[in-house]
Structure formats: structure tokens, C-alpha cells
């Protein structure tokens, strides 16, 4: 509404002279000064920004409704499709009942969502625990590809650690997930890899009366070495030292 009103006001204000000579006299007379012109342009810019932002949000929400998937479920579905890419069976999303049925589950005349919040209508060939089993399998695969890294350089947990080099600062992970401070000698179980950053969980020793919570987040890749590679290098160094002694 604001965009439409401000756009028409600017149009009639900027073309006021033309309408005075060639108009029918029925057009609105909008008089613009320098300050009102600037205020109208500023307001129109803000209004258009809101239209674009809310319009994109509307598109994303409608897509989610039509597919019957939340934002987190989109990520789970993507990992499920990747996990089944080389298998004969494909993962079937249990809640996609078709666009019309999906829409009816969200938008109802009573303004109350369908179902009791515990059980949902699912596609034929699936059940209430299809997604749960898939998530458990994904967690099992995640544990299988976990690698243990040893920290060799201290990291204070900064989002843009200048001490780690310009490349690390210029290529941060595009996520709001935390960074974790680490000290040399710490062990981290890494589950995600990027060129300049790693994501993992720090191994913590629990005290008798003070259990430690889970500490997970990103840290620069150059601060750590994989434990297997580190052990191989140590063994190789020991062998070379033995050869020199001989």
C-alpha cells in the first residue's frame, strides 16, 4: 500500500506541469518541494525493500507448505537423497500428500491444524517412524565418517582470527554456528570439513562433581592435524632417527 501510494504521488508530482497544461483537470495536484521529494524517495525505497523481503519470505513459506517440509526437514531430506544416491531404493518423504492435501493441512476454515500433533497422515508405504529411522541412520553414518584431530596451534574462538592468516579470515563458514576456543594438545572429533575451517566437538574430561557440557563449533583448519596422519609422521620421524643412529 505504501509503495503504491508513494509511487503515484511521485509520478503526479514530477509530472504536475504537464497535467496543468494538457490534463483534464481531474488529476490529483501533488506539489513536491526538495524535502518532500527526498522524503518520498526515501519512504519508497524502504517500502520496496519490505515488499521484496516479505515477498521472498512468502515464496519460501508457500514452497514449504506445498512440499509439507520445514526448513530443517529440507536439510534432512537433502541428506537422505544423498545417502540413497547409489542404492536401488529411493527415500520417500512420508508427509508429502500432494499439493492440495498439504495446503489443507496448514490452511483450514477452523484455523486449527489437522491432527493431534503426535500422529500424521503419511504416504502409502511409509509409517510414523520412517523419518525417525532415516535420521538415526544419518547419525550412524555421521559417526562412521568422524575423524579425530589434534590441535597444534592455540585458537581463541574469534570469528575473524587475524593471527591465523588472511585466507582464514576471508573464507569464514557461512553459518551462525559458534566458534570454539582451543589449546594446543586438545582433541576434537571432526564431522564437517571446509577448505579453511573444520567443525567438530571438543573431547572434554568430565570432573567428578562438575560434568562438562558438549562443546561444538568451527575452528581454523591449520590449527589441527588428523590424528592418524600425526601418528604416521611421528613414526616416520622415529624411523629416520633410528636410521641416522645406525
Protein backbone atom coordinates (compact mmCIF):
# COMPACT_ATOMS: atom_id res chain seq x y z
CA UNK A 1 0.00 0.00 0.00
CA UNK A 2 2.80 2.41 0.90
CA UNK A 3 4.74 1.57 -2.27
CA UNK A 4 1.68 2.13 -4.45
CA UNK A 5 0.73 5.45 -2.78
CA UNK A 6 4.26 6.86 -2.80
CA UNK A 7 4.90 5.81 -6.41
CA UNK A 8 1.71 7.55 -7.62
CA UNK A 9 2.50 10.65 -5.56
CA UNK A 10 5.95 10.91 -7.12
CA UNK A 11 4.54 10.33 -10.59
CA UNK A 12 1.91 13.09 -10.34
CA UNK A 13 4.29 15.41 -8.51
CA UNK A 14 7.04 15.13 -11.13
CA UNK A 15 4.54 15.49 -14.00
CA UNK A 16 2.46 18.27 -12.39
CA UNK A 17 3.34 20.90 -15.01
CA UNK A 18 2.36 18.61 -17.90
CA UNK A 19 -1.03 17.86 -16.34
CA UNK A 20 -1.65 21.60 -15.74
CA UNK A 21 -1.41 22.30 -19.48
CA UNK A 22 -2.61 19.06 -21.07
CA UNK A 23 -4.59 17.31 -18.35
CA UNK A 24 -8.32 17.07 -17.88
CA UNK A 25 -8.24 18.83 -14.54
CA UNK A 26 -9.34 15.67 -12.74
CA UNK A 27 -5.81 14.55 -11.91
CA UNK A 28 -4.59 14.99 -8.31
CA UNK A 29 -2.38 18.04 -7.78
CA UNK A 30 0.75 16.98 -5.90
CA UNK A 31 3.23 19.73 -5.05
CA UNK A 32 6.72 18.50 -4.26
CA UNK A 33 9.45 20.52 -2.60
CA UNK A 34 13.04 19.42 -2.29
CA UNK A 35 12.47 17.99 1.18
CA UNK A 36 9.17 16.28 0.39
CA UNK A 37 10.72 14.79 -2.75
CA UNK A 38 13.63 13.37 -0.75
CA UNK A 39 11.26 12.09 1.95
CA UNK A 40 9.04 10.41 -0.66
CA UNK A 41 12.03 8.77 -2.36
CA UNK A 42 13.38 7.57 0.97
CA UNK A 43 10.00 6.20 2.03
CA UNK A 44 9.50 4.49 -1.34
CA UNK A 45 12.91 2.82 -1.03
CA UNK A 46 12.08 1.48 2.43
CA UNK A 47 8.64 0.30 1.30
CA UNK A 48 10.06 -1.53 -1.73
CA UNK A 49 12.68 -3.16 0.50
CA UNK A 50 9.95 -4.51 2.75
CA UNK A 51 7.95 -5.72 -0.26
CA UNK A 52 10.96 -7.64 -1.59
CA UNK A 53 11.88 -9.13 1.80
CA UNK A 54 8.35 -10.18 2.73
CA UNK A 55 7.71 -11.35 -0.83
CA UNK A 56 10.70 -13.70 -0.69
CA UNK A 57 9.56 -14.94 2.72
CA UNK A 58 6.11 -15.62 1.24
CA UNK A 59 7.67 -17.63 -1.61
CA UNK A 60 9.73 -19.75 0.81
CA UNK A 61 6.74 -20.35 3.08
CA UNK A 62 4.46 -21.36 0.20
CA UNK A 63 7.11 -23.78 -1.09
CA UNK A 64 7.42 -25.33 2.36
CA UNK A 65 3.64 -25.75 2.62
CA UNK A 66 3.32 -27.29 -0.85
CA UNK A 67 6.05 -29.83 -0.05
CA UNK A 68 4.96 -30.27 3.59
CA UNK A 69 8.54 -29.73 4.77
CA UNK A 70 10.02 -27.34 7.29
CA UNK A 71 13.40 -25.70 6.82
CA UNK A 72 15.17 -28.29 8.98
CA UNK A 73 13.35 -31.11 7.18
CA UNK A 74 14.65 -29.77 3.86
CA UNK A 75 18.16 -30.37 5.15
CA UNK A 76 17.26 -33.87 6.38
CA UNK A 77 15.64 -34.68 3.02
CA UNK A 78 18.73 -33.47 1.15
CA UNK A 79 21.00 -35.72 3.22
CA UNK A 80 18.58 -38.63 2.78
CA UNK A 81 18.62 -38.28 -1.01
CA UNK A 82 22.42 -38.13 -0.95
CA UNK A 83 22.65 -41.21 1.27
CA UNK A 84 20.40 -43.22 -1.07
CA UNK A 85 22.02 -41.96 -4.29
CA UNK A 86 23.79 -45.26 -5.05
CA UNK A 87 21.12 -47.62 -3.72
CA UNK A 88 18.25 -49.20 -5.60
CA UNK A 89 15.67 -47.84 -3.15
CA UNK A 90 14.92 -44.12 -3.00
CA UNK A 91 13.87 -42.28 0.12
CA UNK A 92 10.16 -41.39 0.10
CA UNK A 93 9.14 -38.31 2.04
CA UNK A 94 6.33 -39.63 4.26
CA UNK A 95 4.37 -36.36 4.63
CA UNK A 96 4.09 -35.19 1.01
CA UNK A 97 0.43 -36.00 0.30
CA UNK A 98 0.15 -33.76 -2.76
CA UNK A 99 -0.09 -30.00 -3.03
CA UNK A 100 -3.80 -29.76 -2.32
CA UNK A 101 -3.73 -32.08 0.69
CA UNK A 102 -0.59 -30.39 2.02
CA UNK A 103 -2.27 -27.00 1.78
CA UNK A 104 -5.40 -28.28 3.54
CA UNK A 105 -3.30 -29.48 6.47
CA UNK A 106 -1.99 -25.96 7.08
CA UNK A 107 -4.83 -23.66 6.00
CA UNK A 108 -8.19 -24.67 7.46
CA UNK A 109 -11.55 -22.92 7.96
CA UNK A 110 -11.35 -23.55 11.69
CA UNK A 111 -7.82 -22.05 11.85
CA UNK A 112 -6.72 -25.20 13.67
CA UNK A 113 -4.08 -27.51 12.19
CA UNK A 114 -5.08 -31.03 11.22
CA UNK A 115 -4.05 -33.88 13.50
CA UNK A 116 -3.31 -34.18 17.19
CA UNK A 117 0.32 -33.08 16.97
CA UNK A 118 1.61 -36.62 17.53
CA UNK A 119 0.45 -38.70 14.56
CA UNK A 120 0.15 -37.51 10.99
CA UNK A 121 -1.26 -38.77 7.74
CA UNK A 122 1.56 -40.33 5.74
CA UNK A 123 2.17 -41.60 2.22
CA UNK A 124 1.42 -45.24 1.42
CA UNK A 125 4.47 -47.40 2.05
CA UNK A 126 5.69 -45.29 4.97
CA UNK A 127 4.76 -45.03 8.64
CA UNK A 128 5.03 -42.63 11.56
CA UNK A 129 8.67 -43.59 12.19
CA UNK A 130 10.06 -43.52 8.64
CA UNK A 131 11.71 -40.14 9.17
CA UNK A 132 12.97 -41.15 12.63
CA UNK A 133 14.70 -44.24 11.26
CA UNK A 134 16.28 -42.18 8.49
CA UNK A 135 17.62 -39.66 11.00
CA UNK A 136 19.10 -42.46 13.12
CA UNK A 137 20.82 -43.89 10.04
CA UNK A 138 22.20 -40.45 9.18
CA UNK A 139 23.60 -40.12 12.70
CA UNK A 140 25.19 -43.55 12.37
CA UNK A 141 26.79 -42.54 9.07
CA UNK A 142 27.99 -39.32 10.70
CA UNK A 143 29.69 -41.27 13.48
CA UNK A 144 31.27 -43.50 10.85
CA UNK A 145 32.91 -40.61 8.99
CA UNK A 146 34.03 -38.78 12.14
CA UNK A 147 37.77 -38.13 12.24
CA UNK A 148 39.85 -37.28 15.27
CA UNK A 149 42.10 -34.21 15.07
CA UNK A 150 44.76 -32.96 17.45
CA UNK A 151 45.16 -29.22 17.99
CA UNK A 152 48.69 -27.95 17.38
CA UNK A 153 48.05 -24.16 17.49
CA UNK A 154 46.05 -22.17 20.02
CA UNK A 155 42.78 -20.59 18.82
CA UNK A 156 40.84 -18.05 20.90
CA UNK A 157 37.44 -18.59 19.26
CA UNK A 158 37.40 -15.32 17.27
CA UNK A 159 35.14 -15.13 14.22
CA UNK A 160 37.84 -13.38 12.18
CA UNK A 161 41.15 -14.59 13.63
CA UNK A 162 43.79 -12.31 12.10
CA UNK A 163 46.52 -14.37 13.74
CA UNK A 164 45.52 -17.35 11.59
CA UNK A 165 46.11 -15.55 8.30
CA UNK A 166 44.15 -13.55 5.75
CA UNK A 167 42.83 -16.61 3.91
CA UNK A 168 41.09 -17.91 7.03
CA UNK A 169 39.52 -14.50 7.74
CA UNK A 170 38.32 -14.06 4.14
CA UNK A 171 36.70 -17.53 3.93
CA UNK A 172 34.57 -17.92 7.08
CA UNK A 173 31.83 -20.59 7.14
CA UNK A 174 28.50 -19.12 6.02
CA UNK A 175 26.62 -20.07 9.18
CA UNK A 176 25.75 -18.62 12.58
CA UNK A 177 27.12 -21.69 14.37
CA UNK A 178 29.63 -20.91 17.15
CA UNK A 179 33.41 -20.98 17.11
CA UNK A 180 35.17 -22.89 19.88
CA UNK A 181 38.38 -21.80 21.62
CA UNK A 182 41.05 -24.49 21.58
CA UNK A 183 44.50 -25.01 23.06
CA UNK A 184 47.44 -27.00 21.75
CA UNK A 185 47.03 -30.64 22.69
CA UNK A 186 43.22 -30.68 22.66
CA UNK A 187 41.47 -33.46 20.75
CA UNK A 188 38.47 -32.72 18.52
CA UNK A 189 36.12 -35.12 16.74
CA UNK A 190 35.54 -33.51 13.34
CA UNK A 191 32.38 -34.18 11.33
CA UNK A 192 32.45 -31.39 8.71
CA UNK A 193 35.25 -30.12 6.53
CA UNK A 194 35.84 -26.93 4.56
CA UNK A 195 38.95 -25.64 2.86
CA UNK A 196 39.96 -23.32 5.69
CA UNK A 197 37.69 -24.41 8.58
CA UNK A 198 36.68 -27.58 10.42
CA UNK A 199 33.60 -28.33 12.52
CA UNK A 200 33.74 -30.73 15.41
CA UNK A 201 33.19 -31.50 19.06
CA UNK A 202 35.93 -30.99 21.60
CA UNK A 203 36.73 -34.02 23.74
CA UNK A 204 36.35 -32.96 27.36
CA UNK A 205 37.32 -34.75 30.55
CA UNK A 206 34.43 -34.80 33.00
CA UNK A 207 35.21 -33.89 36.57
CA UNK A 208 33.73 -35.91 39.43
CA UNK A 209 31.32 -33.25 40.70
CA UNK A 210 31.13 -30.99 37.64
CA UNK A 211 30.08 -32.70 34.41
CA UNK A 212 31.19 -30.85 31.29
CA UNK A 213 28.72 -29.96 28.54
CA UNK A 214 29.21 -30.60 24.85
CA UNK A 215 31.41 -28.00 23.15
CA UNK A 216 30.90 -27.96 19.37
CA UNK A 217 31.75 -25.40 16.73
CA UNK A 218 34.10 -24.24 13.97
CA UNK A 219 37.84 -23.65 14.18
CA UNK A 220 40.62 -22.92 11.62
CA UNK A 221 41.85 -25.96 9.77
CA UNK A 222 45.52 -25.03 10.08
CA UNK A 223 45.25 -25.28 13.88
CA UNK A 224 44.85 -29.06 13.76
CA UNK A 225 46.22 -32.22 12.20
CA UNK A 226 44.42 -35.52 11.80
CA UNK A 227 45.48 -37.94 14.48
CA UNK A 228 46.28 -40.77 12.07
CA UNK A 229 48.46 -38.52 9.92
CA UNK A 230 50.12 -37.09 13.02
CA UNK A 231 50.94 -40.56 14.35
CA UNK A 232 52.28 -41.63 10.95
CA UNK A 233 54.55 -38.60 10.85
CA UNK A 234 55.83 -39.33 14.35
CA UNK A 235 56.55 -42.96 13.44
CA UNK A 236 58.29 -41.84 10.25
CA UNK A 237 60.41 -39.41 12.24
CA UNK A 238 61.35 -42.13 14.72
CA UNK A 239 62.37 -44.44 11.89
CA UNK A 240 64.54 -41.75 10.34
CA UNK A 241 66.18 -41.08 13.69
CA UNK A 242 66.92 -44.81 14.10
CA UNK A 243 68.46 -44.96 10.66
CA UNK A 244 70.67 -41.99 11.48
CA UNK A 245 71.76 -43.66 14.72
CA UNK A 246 72.68 -46.82 12.82
